N, C-alpha and C. Protein backbone atom coordinates (compact mmCIF):
# COMPACT_ATOMS: atom_id res chain seq x y z
N MET A 1 46.17 107.62 69.72
CA MET A 1 46.02 109.06 69.75
C MET A 1 45.59 109.54 68.36
N ASN A 2 44.66 110.45 68.34
CA ASN A 2 44.17 111.06 67.11
C ASN A 2 45.36 111.62 66.32
N PRO A 3 45.44 111.38 64.98
CA PRO A 3 46.57 111.88 64.19
C PRO A 3 46.72 113.40 64.26
N GLU A 4 45.61 114.11 64.40
CA GLU A 4 45.69 115.56 64.49
C GLU A 4 46.32 115.98 65.82
N VAL A 5 45.94 115.33 66.91
CA VAL A 5 46.52 115.64 68.22
C VAL A 5 48.00 115.27 68.23
N LEU A 6 48.34 114.13 67.64
CA LEU A 6 49.74 113.73 67.55
C LEU A 6 50.55 114.77 66.77
N SER A 7 49.99 115.28 65.70
CA SER A 7 50.68 116.29 64.88
C SER A 7 50.83 117.60 65.64
N ILE A 8 49.80 118.02 66.36
CA ILE A 8 49.87 119.24 67.17
C ILE A 8 50.92 119.07 68.26
N ARG A 9 50.89 117.92 68.89
CA ARG A 9 51.87 117.63 69.96
C ARG A 9 53.30 117.71 69.41
N THR A 10 53.53 117.14 68.24
CA THR A 10 54.86 117.18 67.63
C THR A 10 55.27 118.61 67.31
N SER A 11 54.34 119.41 66.77
CA SER A 11 54.64 120.81 66.47
C SER A 11 54.99 121.59 67.73
N PHE A 12 54.24 121.36 68.80
CA PHE A 12 54.54 122.04 70.06
C PHE A 12 55.91 121.61 70.58
N TYR A 13 56.21 120.33 70.49
CA TYR A 13 57.48 119.82 70.99
C TYR A 13 58.65 120.42 70.20
N GLN A 14 58.47 120.60 68.89
CA GLN A 14 59.53 121.21 68.09
C GLN A 14 59.78 122.65 68.51
N LEU A 15 58.73 123.33 68.97
CA LEU A 15 58.86 124.72 69.42
C LEU A 15 59.34 124.83 70.86
N PHE A 16 59.03 123.82 71.68
CA PHE A 16 59.35 123.85 73.10
C PHE A 16 59.73 122.43 73.53
N PRO A 17 60.97 122.00 73.24
CA PRO A 17 61.38 120.61 73.49
C PRO A 17 61.60 120.32 74.98
N VAL A 18 60.54 119.90 75.64
CA VAL A 18 60.56 119.58 77.07
C VAL A 18 59.92 118.22 77.29
N LYS A 19 59.87 117.78 78.53
CA LYS A 19 59.21 116.53 78.89
C LYS A 19 57.72 116.64 78.57
N LEU A 20 57.17 115.60 77.91
CA LEU A 20 55.75 115.57 77.56
C LEU A 20 55.03 114.53 78.41
N TYR A 21 53.88 114.89 78.90
CA TYR A 21 53.01 113.96 79.62
C TYR A 21 51.73 113.82 78.81
N ASP A 22 51.21 112.59 78.73
CA ASP A 22 49.95 112.42 78.01
C ASP A 22 48.95 111.55 78.77
N GLU A 23 49.34 110.95 79.86
CA GLU A 23 48.38 110.15 80.63
C GLU A 23 47.93 110.93 81.86
N GLU A 24 48.82 111.09 82.81
CA GLU A 24 48.52 111.88 83.99
C GLU A 24 49.75 112.68 84.36
N VAL A 25 49.52 113.79 85.02
CA VAL A 25 50.64 114.60 85.50
C VAL A 25 51.04 114.04 86.86
N PRO A 26 52.29 113.61 87.01
CA PRO A 26 52.69 113.05 88.30
C PRO A 26 52.83 114.13 89.37
N GLU A 27 52.83 113.72 90.62
CA GLU A 27 53.01 114.65 91.73
C GLU A 27 54.34 115.39 91.61
N GLU A 28 55.39 114.67 91.26
CA GLU A 28 56.73 115.25 91.12
C GLU A 28 57.02 115.44 89.63
N LEU A 29 56.40 116.44 89.03
CA LEU A 29 56.60 116.64 87.60
C LEU A 29 57.89 117.39 87.31
N ILE A 30 58.40 117.15 86.14
CA ILE A 30 59.61 117.82 85.68
C ILE A 30 59.22 119.19 85.15
N VAL A 31 60.00 120.21 85.50
CA VAL A 31 59.73 121.58 85.05
C VAL A 31 60.94 122.04 84.25
N PRO A 32 60.76 122.57 83.05
CA PRO A 32 59.51 122.79 82.31
C PRO A 32 59.01 121.50 81.65
N SER A 33 57.71 121.46 81.40
CA SER A 33 57.09 120.31 80.75
C SER A 33 55.73 120.73 80.18
N MET A 34 55.13 119.81 79.40
CA MET A 34 53.79 120.03 78.84
C MET A 34 52.94 118.79 79.06
N TYR A 35 51.65 119.01 79.25
CA TYR A 35 50.69 117.91 79.42
C TYR A 35 49.65 118.00 78.33
N PHE A 36 49.48 116.89 77.57
CA PHE A 36 48.50 116.79 76.50
C PHE A 36 47.41 115.81 76.91
N PRO A 37 46.29 116.31 77.43
CA PRO A 37 45.19 115.41 77.77
C PRO A 37 44.49 114.97 76.48
N PRO A 38 43.60 113.99 76.56
CA PRO A 38 42.83 113.65 75.36
C PRO A 38 41.97 114.85 74.94
N ALA A 39 41.85 115.05 73.65
CA ALA A 39 40.98 116.11 73.13
C ALA A 39 39.53 115.66 73.30
N PHE A 40 38.63 116.61 73.56
CA PHE A 40 37.23 116.23 73.56
C PHE A 40 36.58 116.79 72.31
N SER A 41 35.48 116.17 71.90
CA SER A 41 34.87 116.55 70.64
C SER A 41 33.36 116.59 70.77
N PHE A 42 32.75 117.31 69.86
CA PHE A 42 31.30 117.32 69.71
C PHE A 42 31.00 117.47 68.23
N ASP A 43 29.82 117.00 67.83
CA ASP A 43 29.53 117.00 66.40
C ASP A 43 28.94 118.32 65.95
N GLY A 44 29.14 118.56 64.66
CA GLY A 44 28.67 119.79 64.05
C GLY A 44 27.88 119.47 62.80
N PRO A 45 27.62 120.49 61.98
CA PRO A 45 26.84 120.27 60.77
C PRO A 45 27.58 119.37 59.78
N GLY A 46 26.84 118.50 59.16
CA GLY A 46 27.43 117.60 58.18
C GLY A 46 26.97 117.91 56.78
N THR A 47 27.39 117.07 55.88
CA THR A 47 26.95 117.15 54.49
C THR A 47 26.27 115.83 54.16
N LEU A 48 25.93 115.61 52.92
CA LEU A 48 25.31 114.34 52.53
C LEU A 48 26.28 113.17 52.65
N SER A 49 27.57 113.44 52.55
CA SER A 49 28.54 112.34 52.58
C SER A 49 29.51 112.39 53.77
N THR A 50 29.47 113.47 54.58
CA THR A 50 30.40 113.58 55.70
C THR A 50 29.71 114.06 56.97
N PHE A 51 30.35 113.78 58.10
CA PHE A 51 29.93 114.39 59.36
C PHE A 51 31.12 115.17 59.91
N GLU A 52 30.82 116.16 60.75
CA GLU A 52 31.86 117.03 61.28
C GLU A 52 32.01 116.82 62.77
N LYS A 53 33.26 116.88 63.22
CA LYS A 53 33.55 116.87 64.65
C LYS A 53 34.40 118.10 64.96
N THR A 54 34.00 118.84 65.98
CA THR A 54 34.80 119.96 66.46
C THR A 54 35.55 119.48 67.68
N TYR A 55 36.87 119.64 67.63
CA TYR A 55 37.73 119.20 68.73
C TYR A 55 38.18 120.39 69.56
N SER A 56 38.39 120.14 70.84
CA SER A 56 38.97 121.12 71.74
C SER A 56 40.07 120.43 72.55
N LEU A 57 41.20 121.08 72.65
CA LEU A 57 42.35 120.51 73.35
C LEU A 57 42.95 121.59 74.23
N SER A 58 43.10 121.30 75.53
CA SER A 58 43.70 122.23 76.49
C SER A 58 45.05 121.70 76.92
N VAL A 59 46.11 122.27 76.38
CA VAL A 59 47.48 121.85 76.69
C VAL A 59 47.97 122.67 77.88
N LYS A 60 48.52 121.97 78.88
CA LYS A 60 49.06 122.65 80.05
C LYS A 60 50.58 122.75 79.93
N LEU A 61 51.10 123.95 80.14
CA LEU A 61 52.55 124.19 80.15
C LEU A 61 52.97 124.47 81.59
N PHE A 62 54.01 123.80 82.03
CA PHE A 62 54.53 123.99 83.38
C PHE A 62 55.92 124.60 83.28
N HIS A 63 56.17 125.61 84.12
CA HIS A 63 57.48 126.26 84.13
C HIS A 63 57.79 126.68 85.57
N LYS A 64 58.93 127.36 85.74
CA LYS A 64 59.35 127.77 87.09
C LYS A 64 58.40 128.80 87.70
N SER A 65 57.79 129.62 86.86
CA SER A 65 56.81 130.60 87.34
C SER A 65 55.65 130.66 86.36
N THR A 66 54.55 131.21 86.83
CA THR A 66 53.38 131.37 85.96
C THR A 66 53.69 132.30 84.80
N LEU A 67 54.46 133.35 85.06
CA LEU A 67 54.81 134.29 83.99
C LEU A 67 55.67 133.63 82.92
N GLN A 68 56.62 132.79 83.33
CA GLN A 68 57.44 132.08 82.34
C GLN A 68 56.59 131.09 81.55
N ALA A 69 55.67 130.40 82.22
CA ALA A 69 54.80 129.45 81.53
C ALA A 69 53.92 130.18 80.51
N HIS A 70 53.37 131.32 80.91
CA HIS A 70 52.51 132.07 80.00
C HIS A 70 53.31 132.65 78.83
N ALA A 71 54.53 133.10 79.09
CA ALA A 71 55.38 133.62 78.02
C ALA A 71 55.67 132.53 76.99
N GLU A 72 55.96 131.30 77.44
CA GLU A 72 56.20 130.19 76.51
C GLU A 72 54.92 129.85 75.75
N ALA A 73 53.79 129.87 76.44
CA ALA A 73 52.51 129.59 75.78
C ALA A 73 52.25 130.61 74.68
N GLU A 74 52.49 131.88 74.95
CA GLU A 74 52.31 132.93 73.94
C GLU A 74 53.27 132.75 72.78
N ARG A 75 54.50 132.38 73.06
CA ARG A 75 55.50 132.18 72.00
C ARG A 75 55.06 131.03 71.09
N ILE A 76 54.60 129.93 71.67
CA ILE A 76 54.13 128.79 70.88
C ILE A 76 52.91 129.18 70.06
N ALA A 77 51.95 129.85 70.70
CA ALA A 77 50.72 130.27 70.00
C ALA A 77 51.05 131.20 68.84
N ASP A 78 51.96 132.15 69.06
CA ASP A 78 52.33 133.08 67.98
C ASP A 78 53.04 132.35 66.84
N ALA A 79 53.84 131.35 67.15
CA ALA A 79 54.51 130.58 66.10
C ALA A 79 53.48 129.84 65.25
N ILE A 80 52.45 129.29 65.87
CA ILE A 80 51.38 128.60 65.13
C ILE A 80 50.56 129.63 64.35
N ARG A 81 50.27 130.76 64.96
CA ARG A 81 49.52 131.83 64.25
C ARG A 81 50.27 132.29 63.01
N SER A 82 51.61 132.42 63.13
CA SER A 82 52.40 132.91 61.99
C SER A 82 52.40 131.92 60.83
N ARG A 83 52.00 130.70 61.09
CA ARG A 83 51.86 129.68 60.03
C ARG A 83 50.42 129.58 59.54
N ARG A 84 49.66 130.66 59.76
CA ARG A 84 48.26 130.72 59.35
C ARG A 84 47.40 129.69 60.05
N LEU A 85 47.77 129.32 61.27
CA LEU A 85 47.06 128.34 62.08
C LEU A 85 47.03 126.96 61.44
N LEU A 86 48.00 126.69 60.56
CA LEU A 86 48.10 125.38 59.91
C LEU A 86 49.15 124.53 60.61
N VAL A 87 48.76 123.28 60.91
CA VAL A 87 49.67 122.32 61.52
C VAL A 87 49.78 121.14 60.56
N PRO A 88 51.00 120.78 60.14
CA PRO A 88 51.15 119.65 59.21
C PRO A 88 50.75 118.33 59.88
N ILE A 89 50.00 117.52 59.13
CA ILE A 89 49.57 116.21 59.64
C ILE A 89 50.69 115.20 59.39
N LEU A 90 50.98 114.41 60.41
CA LEU A 90 51.99 113.36 60.32
C LEU A 90 51.32 112.00 60.27
N SER A 91 51.97 111.06 59.59
CA SER A 91 51.49 109.68 59.60
C SER A 91 51.82 109.09 60.98
N PRO A 92 51.26 107.91 61.31
CA PRO A 92 51.60 107.28 62.59
C PRO A 92 53.10 107.03 62.76
N LYS A 93 53.83 106.95 61.65
CA LYS A 93 55.28 106.76 61.73
C LYS A 93 56.04 108.08 61.82
N GLY A 94 55.32 109.21 61.83
CA GLY A 94 55.97 110.51 61.97
C GLY A 94 56.40 111.16 60.67
N VAL A 95 55.89 110.67 59.54
CA VAL A 95 56.26 111.20 58.23
C VAL A 95 55.20 112.23 57.80
N LEU A 96 55.65 113.34 57.22
CA LEU A 96 54.70 114.35 56.73
C LEU A 96 53.81 113.74 55.65
N THR A 97 52.51 114.02 55.73
CA THR A 97 51.56 113.48 54.76
C THR A 97 51.24 114.46 53.63
N GLY A 98 51.58 115.73 53.81
CA GLY A 98 51.22 116.75 52.82
C GLY A 98 49.87 117.37 53.14
N GLU A 99 49.19 116.90 54.18
CA GLU A 99 47.91 117.45 54.60
C GLU A 99 48.12 118.31 55.85
N TYR A 100 47.14 119.15 56.15
CA TYR A 100 47.22 120.05 57.29
C TYR A 100 45.91 120.06 58.04
N VAL A 101 45.99 120.40 59.31
CA VAL A 101 44.80 120.72 60.09
C VAL A 101 44.85 122.23 60.33
N ARG A 102 43.73 122.89 60.07
CA ARG A 102 43.66 124.34 60.31
C ARG A 102 42.93 124.55 61.63
N LEU A 103 43.62 125.20 62.55
CA LEU A 103 43.01 125.51 63.83
C LEU A 103 42.01 126.64 63.67
N ASN A 104 40.87 126.53 64.32
CA ASN A 104 39.89 127.61 64.30
C ASN A 104 40.29 128.71 65.27
N ARG A 105 40.88 128.27 66.39
CA ARG A 105 41.18 129.23 67.44
C ARG A 105 42.32 128.70 68.30
N ILE A 106 43.17 129.60 68.73
CA ILE A 106 44.22 129.27 69.69
C ILE A 106 44.24 130.39 70.72
N GLU A 107 44.15 130.01 71.98
CA GLU A 107 44.10 131.02 73.03
C GLU A 107 44.99 130.59 74.18
N THR A 108 45.59 131.56 74.84
CA THR A 108 46.45 131.27 75.98
C THR A 108 45.81 131.86 77.24
N ARG A 109 46.05 131.17 78.35
CA ARG A 109 45.52 131.62 79.64
C ARG A 109 46.57 131.38 80.71
N GLN A 110 46.66 132.30 81.64
CA GLN A 110 47.53 132.10 82.79
C GLN A 110 46.83 131.18 83.76
N GLY A 111 47.59 130.26 84.31
CA GLY A 111 47.06 129.38 85.34
C GLY A 111 47.61 129.83 86.68
N SER A 112 47.86 128.86 87.52
CA SER A 112 48.44 129.17 88.82
C SER A 112 49.59 128.23 89.09
N ASN A 113 50.46 128.61 90.00
CA ASN A 113 51.58 127.78 90.42
C ASN A 113 52.46 127.32 89.26
N GLY A 114 52.87 128.24 88.40
CA GLY A 114 53.79 127.91 87.32
C GLY A 114 53.15 127.20 86.14
N MET A 115 51.87 127.42 85.92
CA MET A 115 51.16 126.74 84.84
C MET A 115 50.44 127.75 83.95
N ALA A 116 50.40 127.43 82.65
CA ALA A 116 49.63 128.21 81.68
C ALA A 116 48.93 127.22 80.76
N LEU A 117 47.87 127.67 80.12
CA LEU A 117 47.09 126.83 79.20
C LEU A 117 47.16 127.38 77.79
N ILE A 118 47.19 126.46 76.82
CA ILE A 118 46.96 126.80 75.42
C ILE A 118 45.72 126.00 75.03
N VAL A 119 44.67 126.69 74.67
CA VAL A 119 43.41 126.04 74.29
C VAL A 119 43.25 126.15 72.78
N LEU A 120 43.08 124.99 72.14
CA LEU A 120 42.97 124.91 70.68
C LEU A 120 41.62 124.34 70.30
N THR A 121 41.05 124.83 69.21
CA THR A 121 39.86 124.19 68.63
C THR A 121 40.06 124.07 67.13
N TRP A 122 39.50 122.98 66.56
CA TRP A 122 39.55 122.77 65.12
C TRP A 122 38.42 121.83 64.71
N ASP A 123 38.10 121.86 63.43
CA ASP A 123 37.04 121.02 62.87
C ASP A 123 37.66 119.97 61.96
N SER A 124 37.07 118.78 61.97
CA SER A 124 37.48 117.71 61.06
C SER A 124 36.23 117.07 60.48
N ARG A 125 36.36 116.66 59.23
CA ARG A 125 35.25 115.98 58.56
C ARG A 125 35.64 114.54 58.28
N TYR A 126 34.66 113.66 58.42
CA TYR A 126 34.87 112.23 58.20
C TYR A 126 33.73 111.70 57.32
N TYR A 127 34.08 110.78 56.43
CA TYR A 127 33.07 110.21 55.54
C TYR A 127 32.19 109.21 56.30
N TYR A 128 30.91 109.21 55.95
CA TYR A 128 30.00 108.21 56.49
C TYR A 128 30.39 106.84 55.94
N GLU A 129 30.05 105.81 56.66
CA GLU A 129 30.25 104.46 56.14
C GLU A 129 29.27 104.25 55.00
N GLN A 130 29.75 103.69 53.94
CA GLN A 130 28.92 103.44 52.77
C GLN A 130 28.64 101.95 52.64
N GLU A 131 27.39 101.62 52.38
CA GLU A 131 27.06 100.22 52.14
C GLU A 131 27.63 99.82 50.79
N GLU A 132 28.15 98.62 50.73
CA GLU A 132 28.68 98.13 49.47
C GLU A 132 27.59 97.35 48.76
N PHE A 133 27.43 97.62 47.50
CA PHE A 133 26.45 96.93 46.67
C PHE A 133 27.18 96.18 45.58
N LYS A 134 26.66 95.01 45.28
CA LYS A 134 27.23 94.27 44.16
C LYS A 134 26.75 94.91 42.87
N PRO A 135 27.63 95.14 41.94
CA PRO A 135 27.20 95.73 40.68
C PRO A 135 26.39 94.71 39.86
N PHE A 136 25.46 95.23 39.06
CA PHE A 136 24.70 94.35 38.18
C PHE A 136 25.64 93.75 37.14
N THR A 137 25.50 92.48 36.92
CA THR A 137 26.30 91.87 35.86
C THR A 137 25.44 91.59 34.64
N ARG A 138 24.15 91.48 34.88
CA ARG A 138 23.24 91.21 33.76
C ARG A 138 21.87 91.78 34.10
N VAL A 139 21.27 92.46 33.16
CA VAL A 139 19.95 93.03 33.36
C VAL A 139 19.06 92.52 32.24
N GLU A 140 17.91 91.96 32.60
CA GLU A 140 16.95 91.50 31.61
C GLU A 140 15.71 92.37 31.70
N VAL A 141 15.21 92.78 30.57
CA VAL A 141 14.00 93.60 30.53
C VAL A 141 12.97 92.86 29.67
N GLU A 142 11.81 92.66 30.25
CA GLU A 142 10.72 92.05 29.49
C GLU A 142 9.66 93.13 29.34
N SER A 143 9.21 93.31 28.13
CA SER A 143 8.16 94.29 27.90
C SER A 143 7.18 93.75 26.88
N GLY A 144 6.02 94.27 26.96
CA GLY A 144 4.98 93.87 26.01
C GLY A 144 4.34 95.08 25.43
N VAL A 145 3.64 94.89 24.30
CA VAL A 145 2.97 96.00 23.63
C VAL A 145 1.50 95.94 24.04
N LYS A 146 0.93 97.06 24.44
CA LYS A 146 -0.48 97.11 24.83
C LYS A 146 -1.33 97.60 23.71
């Protein structure tokens, strides 16, 4: 799982500690719960040394009613907004790294049958692979006078 998605998932769980699903939602799901599908991405403008990926993640919240699900979604979204849309990045072992992901947008939507959505988008930059060159150890210059 992408470290940013893992960090967002952890932040959501701290705000709403319920059963989490990340593969498929079973027919007999536990209510309340949240479903974290894989984030999808598309590329954006890059620089000379980096490329950009814009991620979108649609988290589903399940509750006893659609209104309760949407109220929890709004509460979670407002908690993230109050932190300036910053989510702390965690290492794979769950330790704070001191880095953050800044969300571009967080939006909530009412679903149906006790479900609400929180839709998140953010940008990440990654360095291009660099070819490794052996450094010169000796340079010889031959020149003549014309």
